[in-house]
C-alpha atoms as a PDB file:
ATOM      1  CA  MET A   1      -1.583   2.717  18.405  1.00  0.00           C
ATOM      2  CA  ARG A   2      -5.318   2.111  18.309  1.00  0.00           C
ATOM      3  CA  ILE A   3      -6.369  -0.387  15.616  1.00  0.00           C
ATOM      4  CA  LEU A   4      -9.717   0.024  13.863  1.00  0.00           C
ATOM      5  CA  THR A   5     -11.025  -2.610  11.440  1.00  0.00           C
ATOM      6  CA  LEU A   6     -13.516  -0.674   9.337  1.00  0.00           C
ATOM      7  CA  GLY A   7     -14.718  -3.332   6.901  1.00  0.00           C
ATOM      8  CA  ARG A   8     -15.684  -2.369   3.352  1.00  0.00           C
ATOM      9  CA  ARG A   9     -15.974   1.375   2.857  1.00  0.00           C
ATOM     10  CA  PRO A  10     -16.178   3.785  -0.093  1.00  0.00           C
ATOM     11  CA  TYR A  11     -12.780   5.330  -0.763  1.00  0.00           C
ATOM     12  CA  ALA A  12     -13.823   9.008  -0.869  1.00  0.00           C
ATOM     13  CA  GLU A  13     -15.607   8.722   2.479  1.00  0.00           C
ATOM     14  CA  THR A  14     -12.566   7.099   4.090  1.00  0.00           C
ATOM     15  CA  GLU A  15     -10.102   9.616   2.688  1.00  0.00           C
ATOM     16  CA  ALA A  16     -12.223  12.520   3.910  1.00  0.00           C
ATOM     17  CA  ALA A  17     -12.323  10.946   7.377  1.00  0.00           C
ATOM     18  CA  MET A  18      -8.536  10.496   7.358  1.00  0.00           C
ATOM     19  CA  ARG A  19      -7.965  14.120   6.459  1.00  0.00           C
ATOM     20  CA  ALA A  20     -10.429  15.307   9.090  1.00  0.00           C
ATOM     21  CA  PHE A  21      -8.767  13.172  11.779  1.00  0.00           C
ATOM     22  CA  THR A  22      -5.301  14.379  10.815  1.00  0.00           C
ATOM     23  CA  HIS A  23      -6.178  18.058  10.657  1.00  0.00           C
ATOM     24  CA  ALA A  24      -8.082  17.963  13.953  1.00  0.00           C
ATOM     25  CA  ARG A  25      -5.616  15.931  15.998  1.00  0.00           C
ATOM     26  CA  ALA A  26      -3.868  17.530  18.952  1.00  0.00           C
ATOM     27  CA  ALA A  27      -0.478  16.857  20.533  1.00  0.00           C
ATOM     28  CA  ASP A  28      -1.964  14.153  22.763  1.00  0.00           C
ATOM     29  CA  THR A  29      -4.229  12.463  20.170  1.00  0.00           C
ATOM     30  CA  GLU A  30      -3.652   8.731  20.089  1.00  0.00           C
ATOM     31  CA  ASP A  31      -2.222   7.351  16.853  1.00  0.00           C
ATOM     32  CA  GLU A  32      -4.543   5.039  14.934  1.00  0.00           C
ATOM     33  CA  LEU A  33      -4.272   2.314  12.307  1.00  0.00           C
ATOM     34  CA  TRP A  34      -7.269   1.896  10.035  1.00  0.00           C
ATOM     35  CA  LEU A  35      -7.717  -1.415   8.196  1.00  0.00           C
ATOM     36  CA  VAL A  36     -10.198  -1.214   5.346  1.00  0.00           C
ATOM     37  CA  GLU A  37     -11.384  -2.825   2.123  1.00  0.00           C
ATOM     38  CA  HIS A  38     -12.637  -0.452  -0.576  1.00  0.00           C
ATOM     39  CA  GLU A  39     -15.315  -0.561  -3.201  1.00  0.00           C
ATOM     40  CA  PRO A  40     -13.763  -0.528  -6.727  1.00  0.00           C
ATOM     41  CA  VAL A  41     -11.982   2.778  -7.384  1.00  0.00           C
ATOM     42  CA  PHE A  42      -8.956   4.190  -9.177  1.00  0.00           C
ATOM     43  CA  THR A  43      -7.085   6.777  -7.115  1.00  0.00           C
ATOM     44  CA  GLN A  44      -4.701   9.374  -8.504  1.00  0.00           C
ATOM     45  CA  GLY A  45      -1.833  10.878  -6.536  1.00  0.00           C
ATOM     46  CA  ILE A  46      -1.505  14.633  -6.213  1.00  0.00           C
ATOM     47  CA  ALA A  47       0.728  14.808  -9.297  1.00  0.00           C
ATOM     48  CA  GLY A  48      -0.890  11.871 -11.070  1.00  0.00           C
ATOM     49  CA  ARG A  49      -1.024  12.058 -14.867  1.00  0.00           C
ATOM     50  CA  GLU A  50      -4.374  11.463 -16.549  1.00  0.00           C
ATOM     51  CA  ALA A  51      -2.594   9.579 -19.336  1.00  0.00           C
ATOM     52  CA  HIS A  52      -1.897   6.717 -16.923  1.00  0.00           C
ATOM     53  CA  VAL A  53      -5.646   5.947 -16.755  1.00  0.00           C
ATOM     54  CA  LEU A  54      -6.079   3.977 -19.969  1.00  0.00           C
ATOM     55  CA  ASP A  55      -9.747   2.975 -19.716  1.00  0.00           C
ATOM     56  CA  ALA A  56     -11.558   3.578 -16.434  1.00  0.00           C
ATOM     57  CA  GLY A  57     -14.794   2.120 -17.749  1.00  0.00           C
ATOM     58  CA  GLY A  58     -17.409   2.270 -15.017  1.00  0.00           C
ATOM     59  CA  ILE A  59     -14.889   2.500 -12.176  1.00  0.00           C
ATOM     60  CA  PRO A  60     -14.674   5.984 -10.634  1.00  0.00           C
ATOM     61  CA  VAL A  61     -11.391   7.896 -10.630  1.00  0.00           C
ATOM     62  CA  VAL A  62     -10.733   9.896  -7.465  1.00  0.00           C
ATOM     63  CA  ARG A  63      -7.921  12.416  -7.153  1.00  0.00           C
ATOM     64  CA  THR A  64      -6.246  12.408  -3.739  1.00  0.00           C
ATOM     65  CA  ASP A  65      -3.569  14.384  -1.897  1.00  0.00           C
ATOM     66  CA  ARG A  66      -1.190  11.435  -1.474  1.00  0.00           C
ATOM     67  CA  GLY A  67       2.032  10.979  -3.380  1.00  0.00           C
ATOM     68  CA  GLY A  68       2.439   8.674  -6.348  1.00  0.00           C
ATOM     69  CA  GLN A  69       0.491   7.978  -9.515  1.00  0.00           C
ATOM     70  CA  VAL A  70      -2.663   5.973 -10.209  1.00  0.00           C
ATOM     71  CA  THR A  71      -3.548   2.704  -8.500  1.00  0.00           C
ATOM     72  CA  TYR A  72      -6.602   0.520  -8.037  1.00  0.00           C
ATOM     73  CA  HIS A  73      -8.428  -0.425  -4.848  1.00  0.00           C
ATOM     74  CA  GLY A  74     -11.134  -3.049  -4.683  1.00  0.00           C
ATOM     75  CA  PRO A  75     -12.627  -5.943  -2.706  1.00  0.00           C
ATOM     76  CA  GLY A  76     -10.057  -8.512  -1.639  1.00  0.00           C
ATOM     77  CA  GLN A  77      -7.347  -5.917  -1.127  1.00  0.00           C
ATOM     78  CA  LEU A  78      -6.155  -4.998   2.359  1.00  0.00           C
ATOM     79  CA  VAL A  79      -5.550  -1.270   2.800  1.00  0.00           C
ATOM     80  CA  ALA A  80      -3.780  -0.084   5.950  1.00  0.00           C
ATOM     81  CA  TYR A  81      -3.855   3.587   6.885  1.00  0.00           C
ATOM     82  CA  PRO A  82      -1.490   4.480   9.755  1.00  0.00           C
ATOM     83  CA  LEU A  83      -2.521   7.886  11.119  1.00  0.00           C
ATOM     84  CA  LEU A  84       0.631   8.840  12.969  1.00  0.00           C
ATOM     85  CA  ASP A  85       2.619  11.647  14.501  1.00  0.00           C
ATOM     86  CA  LEU A  86       6.082  10.746  13.196  1.00  0.00           C
ATOM     87  CA  ARG A  87       7.725  12.659  16.051  1.00  0.00           C
ATOM     88  CA  ARG A  88       6.598   9.893  18.427  1.00  0.00           C
ATOM     89  CA  ILE A  89       8.412   7.052  16.678  1.00  0.00           C
ATOM     90  CA  GLY A  90      11.759   5.980  18.086  1.00  0.00           C
ATOM     91  CA  ARG A  91      13.705   8.214  20.422  1.00  0.00           C
ATOM     92  CA  ALA A  92      13.601  11.372  18.337  1.00  0.00           C
ATOM     93  CA  GLY A  93      11.019  10.767  15.613  1.00  0.00           C
ATOM     94  CA  ILE A  94      11.572   9.739  11.997  1.00  0.00           C
ATOM     95  CA  TYR A  95      11.429  11.389   8.596  1.00  0.00           C
ATOM     96  CA  VAL A  96       9.795  10.418   5.322  1.00  0.00           C
ATOM     97  CA  LYS A  97      12.492   8.088   3.953  1.00  0.00           C
ATOM     98  CA  GLU A  98      12.640   6.078   7.186  1.00  0.00           C
ATOM     99  CA  TYR A  99       8.850   5.964   7.403  1.00  0.00           C
ATOM    100  CA  VAL A 100       8.554   4.517   3.881  1.00  0.00           C
ATOM    101  CA  PHE A 101      11.261   1.974   4.715  1.00  0.00           C
ATOM    102  CA  ARG A 102       9.374   0.828   7.815  1.00  0.00           C
ATOM    103  CA  LEU A 103       6.077   0.493   5.951  1.00  0.00           C
ATOM    104  CA  GLU A 104       7.780  -1.639   3.331  1.00  0.00           C
ATOM    105  CA  GLU A 105       9.504  -3.725   6.005  1.00  0.00           C
ATOM    106  CA  ALA A 106       6.129  -4.452   7.603  1.00  0.00           C
ATOM    107  CA  VAL A 107       4.794  -5.735   4.262  1.00  0.00           C
ATOM    108  CA  ILE A 108       7.930  -7.827   3.658  1.00  0.00           C
ATOM    109  CA  GLU A 109       7.535  -9.343   7.132  1.00  0.00           C
ATOM    110  CA  THR A 110       3.851 -10.083   6.504  1.00  0.00           C
ATOM    111  CA  LEU A 111       4.640 -11.823   3.219  1.00  0.00           C
ATOM    112  CA  ALA A 112       7.464 -13.816   4.810  1.00  0.00           C
ATOM    113  CA  GLN A 113       5.013 -15.243   7.334  1.00  0.00           C
ATOM    114  CA  VAL A 114       3.180 -16.983   4.471  1.00  0.00           C
ATOM    115  CA  GLY A 115       6.383 -17.991   2.683  1.00  0.00           C
ATOM    116  CA  VAL A 116       6.494 -15.236   0.047  1.00  0.00           C
ATOM    117  CA  THR A 117       9.670 -13.215  -0.507  1.00  0.00           C
ATOM    118  CA  GLY A 118       9.053  -9.513  -1.049  1.00  0.00           C
ATOM    119  CA  HIS A 119      11.513  -7.246  -2.844  1.00  0.00           C
ATOM    120  CA  ARG A 120      12.097  -3.539  -3.256  1.00  0.00           C
ATOM    121  CA  VAL A 121      12.857  -1.832  -6.576  1.00  0.00           C
ATOM    122  CA  ARG A 122      15.000   1.281  -6.300  1.00  0.00           C
ATOM    123  CA  GLY A 123      13.009   4.433  -6.968  1.00  0.00           C
ATOM    124  CA  ALA A 124       9.657   2.607  -7.141  1.00  0.00           C
ATOM    125  CA  PRO A 125       8.014   2.452  -3.688  1.00  0.00           C
ATOM    126  CA  GLY A 126       6.023  -0.662  -2.895  1.00  0.00           C
ATOM    127  CA  ILE A 127       6.801  -4.360  -2.708  1.00  0.00           C
ATOM    128  CA  TYR A 128       7.343  -6.764  -5.598  1.00  0.00           C
ATOM    129  CA  VAL A 129       7.679 -10.535  -6.011  1.00  0.00           C
ATOM    130  CA  ARG A 130       9.537 -12.657  -8.532  1.00  0.00           C
ATOM    131  CA  LEU A 131       6.921 -14.195 -10.786  1.00  0.00           C
ATOM    132  CA  ASP A 132       9.081 -17.239 -11.552  1.00  0.00           C
ATOM    133  CA  ASP A 133       9.989 -17.933  -7.915  1.00  0.00           C
ATOM    134  CA  PRO A 134       7.891 -15.969  -5.390  1.00  0.00           C
ATOM    135  CA  PHE A 135       8.985 -18.262  -2.557  1.00  0.00           C
ATOM    136  CA  GLY A 136      12.720 -18.227  -3.306  1.00  0.00           C
ATOM    137  CA  HIS A 137      15.132 -16.237  -1.194  1.00  0.00           C
ATOM    138  CA  GLY A 138      17.642 -15.168  -3.827  1.00  0.00           C
ATOM    139  CA  ALA A 139      18.365 -11.487  -4.368  1.00  0.00           C
ATOM    140  CA  LEU A 140      17.079  -9.767  -7.481  1.00  0.00           C
ATOM    141  CA  PRO A 141      19.504  -9.732 -10.414  1.00  0.00           C
ATOM    142  CA  ALA A 142      21.094  -6.425 -11.355  1.00  0.00           C
ATOM    143  CA  ALA A 143      18.508  -4.145 -12.940  1.00  0.00           C
ATOM    144  CA  GLY A 144      18.641  -3.959 -16.713  1.00  0.00           C
ATOM    145  CA  ALA A 145      16.735  -1.751 -19.121  1.00  0.00           C
ATOM    146  CA  ASP A 146      13.467  -2.842 -17.473  1.00  0.00           C
ATOM    147  CA  PRO A 147      13.779  -2.863 -13.663  1.00  0.00           C
ATOM    148  CA  PHE A 148      10.417  -4.660 -13.410  1.00  0.00           C
ATOM    149  CA  ALA A 149      11.303  -7.558 -15.728  1.00  0.00           C
ATOM    150  CA  GLY A 150      10.071 -10.792 -14.166  1.00  0.00           C
ATOM    151  CA  LEU A 151       8.407  -8.988 -11.256  1.00  0.00           C
ATOM    152  CA  GLY A 152       4.843  -8.473 -10.122  1.00  0.00           C
ATOM    153  CA  LYS A 153       3.720  -5.774  -7.719  1.00  0.00           C
ATOM    154  CA  ILE A 154       1.862  -7.104  -4.698  1.00  0.00           C
ATOM    155  CA  ALA A 155       1.745  -4.005  -2.484  1.00  0.00           C
ATOM    156  CA  ALA A 156       1.434  -0.315  -3.375  1.00  0.00           C
ATOM    157  CA  LEU A 157       2.413   2.572  -1.152  1.00  0.00           C
ATOM    158  CA  GLY A 158       1.277   6.189  -1.141  1.00  0.00           C
ATOM    159  CA  ILE A 159       1.513   8.574   1.784  1.00  0.00           C
ATOM    160  CA  LYS A 160       0.905  12.170   2.782  1.00  0.00           C
ATOM    161  CA  ILE A 161       2.763  13.955   5.575  1.00  0.00           C
ATOM    162  CA  SER A 162       1.710  17.342   6.894  1.00  0.00           C
ATOM    163  CA  GLN A 163       3.454  18.901   9.905  1.00  0.00           C
ATOM    164  CA  HIS A 164       4.936  15.500  10.823  1.00  0.00           C
ATOM    165  CA  ARG A 165       1.470  13.913  10.700  1.00  0.00           C
ATOM    166  CA  ALA A 166       1.204  10.954   8.329  1.00  0.00           C
ATOM    167  CA  TYR A 167      -1.871   9.555   6.625  1.00  0.00           C
ATOM    168  CA  HIS A 168      -2.777   7.412   3.587  1.00  0.00           C
ATOM    169  CA  GLY A 169      -0.677   4.226   3.631  1.00  0.00           C
ATOM    170  CA  VAL A 170      -0.172   0.853   2.001  1.00  0.00           C
ATOM    171  CA  ALA A 171      -2.334  -1.606   0.048  1.00  0.00           C
ATOM    172  CA  LEU A 172      -1.629  -5.358  -0.013  1.00  0.00           C
ATOM    173  CA  ASN A 173      -3.304  -7.493  -2.674  1.00  0.00           C
ATOM    174  CA  VAL A 174      -4.780 -10.559  -0.970  1.00  0.00           C
ATOM    175  CA  ALA A 175      -7.496 -12.184  -3.142  1.00  0.00           C
ATOM    176  CA  MET A 176      -8.982  -9.721  -5.586  1.00  0.00           C
ATOM    177  CA  ASP A 177     -10.039  -9.195  -9.173  1.00  0.00           C
ATOM    178  CA  LEU A 178      -6.781  -8.035 -10.771  1.00  0.00           C
ATOM    179  CA  ALA A 179      -8.329  -7.181 -14.152  1.00  0.00           C
ATOM    180  CA  PRO A 180      -8.840  -3.455 -13.399  1.00  0.00           C
ATOM    181  CA  PHE A 181      -5.070  -3.016 -13.098  1.00  0.00           C
ATOM    182  CA  SER A 182      -4.912  -3.635 -16.865  1.00  0.00           C
ATOM    183  CA  ARG A 183      -6.953  -0.454 -17.366  1.00  0.00           C
ATOM    184  CA  ILE A 184      -4.176   1.713 -15.912  1.00  0.00           C
ATOM    185  CA  ASP A 185      -0.415   2.057 -15.856  1.00  0.00           C
ATOM    186  CA  PRO A 186      -0.074   0.812 -12.260  1.00  0.00           C
ATOM    187  CA  CYS A 187       1.716   3.454 -10.187  1.00  0.00           C
ATOM    188  CA  GLY A 188       2.644   5.158 -13.458  1.00  0.00           C
ATOM    189  CA  TYR A 189       4.559   2.210 -14.979  1.00  0.00           C
ATOM    190  CA  PRO A 190       3.159   0.951 -18.307  1.00  0.00           C
ATOM    191  CA  GLY A 191       2.864  -2.814 -18.442  1.00  0.00           C
ATOM    192  CA  LEU A 192       3.707  -3.383 -14.789  1.00  0.00           C
ATOM    193  CA  ALA A 193       2.315  -6.766 -13.703  1.00  0.00           C
ATOM    194  CA  THR A 194       0.275  -6.978 -10.515  1.00  0.00           C
ATOM    195  CA  VAL A 195      -0.328 -10.061  -8.413  1.00  0.00           C
ATOM    196  CA  ASP A 196      -2.083 -11.057  -5.217  1.00  0.00           C
ATOM    197  CA  LEU A 197      -1.522 -13.793  -2.670  1.00  0.00           C
ATOM    198  CA  ARG A 198      -4.190 -15.973  -4.259  1.00  0.00           C
ATOM    199  CA  THR A 199      -2.424 -15.791  -7.647  1.00  0.00           C
ATOM    200  CA  LEU A 200       0.734 -17.013  -5.921  1.00  0.00           C
ATOM    201  CA  GLY A 201      -1.132 -19.972  -4.431  1.00  0.00           C
ATOM    202  CA  VAL A 202      -1.331 -18.596  -0.892  1.00  0.00           C
ATOM    203  CA  PRO A 203      -4.847 -19.166   0.553  1.00  0.00           C
ATOM    204  CA  ALA A 204      -4.761 -16.335   3.096  1.00  0.00           C
ATOM    205  CA  THR A 205      -8.005 -14.599   3.984  1.00  0.00           C
ATOM    206  CA  TRP A 206      -8.401 -10.833   4.273  1.00  0.00           C
ATOM    207  CA  ASP A 207      -8.785 -11.136   8.062  1.00  0.00           C
ATOM    208  CA  GLU A 208      -5.630 -13.236   8.374  1.00  0.00           C
ATOM    209  CA  ALA A 209      -3.617 -10.789   6.286  1.00  0.00           C
ATOM    210  CA  ALA A 210      -5.022  -7.849   8.253  1.00  0.00           C
ATOM    211  CA  ALA A 211      -4.003  -9.368  11.592  1.00  0.00           C
ATOM    212  CA  ARG A 212      -0.470 -10.091  10.346  1.00  0.00           C
ATOM    213  CA  LEU A 213       0.072  -6.690   8.749  1.00  0.00           C
ATOM    214  CA  ALA A 214      -1.361  -4.825  11.742  1.00  0.00           C
ATOM    215  CA  ALA A 215       1.007  -6.660  14.096  1.00  0.00           C
ATOM    216  CA  ALA A 216       3.976  -5.982  11.801  1.00  0.00           C
ATOM    217  CA  LEU A 217       3.119  -2.293  11.576  1.00  0.00           C
ATOM    218  CA  GLN A 218       2.786  -2.053  15.341  1.00  0.00           C
ATOM    219  CA  ARG A 219       6.270  -3.503  15.741  1.00  0.00           C
ATOM    220  CA  ARG A 220       7.810  -1.200  13.155  1.00  0.00           C
ATOM    221  CA  LEU A 221       6.064   2.060  14.042  1.00  0.00           C
ATOM    222  CA  ARG A 222       6.960   2.681  17.639  1.00  0.00           C
END
């Protein structure tokens, strides 16, 4: 997998490039991993509900062809776009559920390297941390009426797969302005807290997080 660190790029330009790459690729096209930081933008999934954008203010809202609801991208967030042919992974290829699992595992591994314990929430793709004990290793308690009680989302996931070709990807909050998340229902969940590594007291830089996540993705996606 070829790794490209693209720096800070406008979201719409990057998404158009992803779609062009995916639609033009041939059977022998090398898989790529794009690492990018976006200018401030809210992005809506293909079935995203407008009601989940509470107050966009001056931040543009861009509708995309990925799955999921609305999220925010901005400086200080690491976005990883694996552009893959899923038939090449493992001995006989993988399907969507396994692909999502591997993306989440790569984020969990990346967080573990800086001492943070990542968690999954059933039915809500992405990675979460316990706000009262982000470095503890205990399992989450049984879900009650609010499955997000006591949790903050640190990584969002949204993908698109067409003819076994995957694009879009995963966003890890490193050291960013989290205020824009209060202008939306993050990933369609009203009141969902969002956090970044800096909020948790982890002084990782964007470049450090990018190197760790890229290595974890390489290990998981082959």
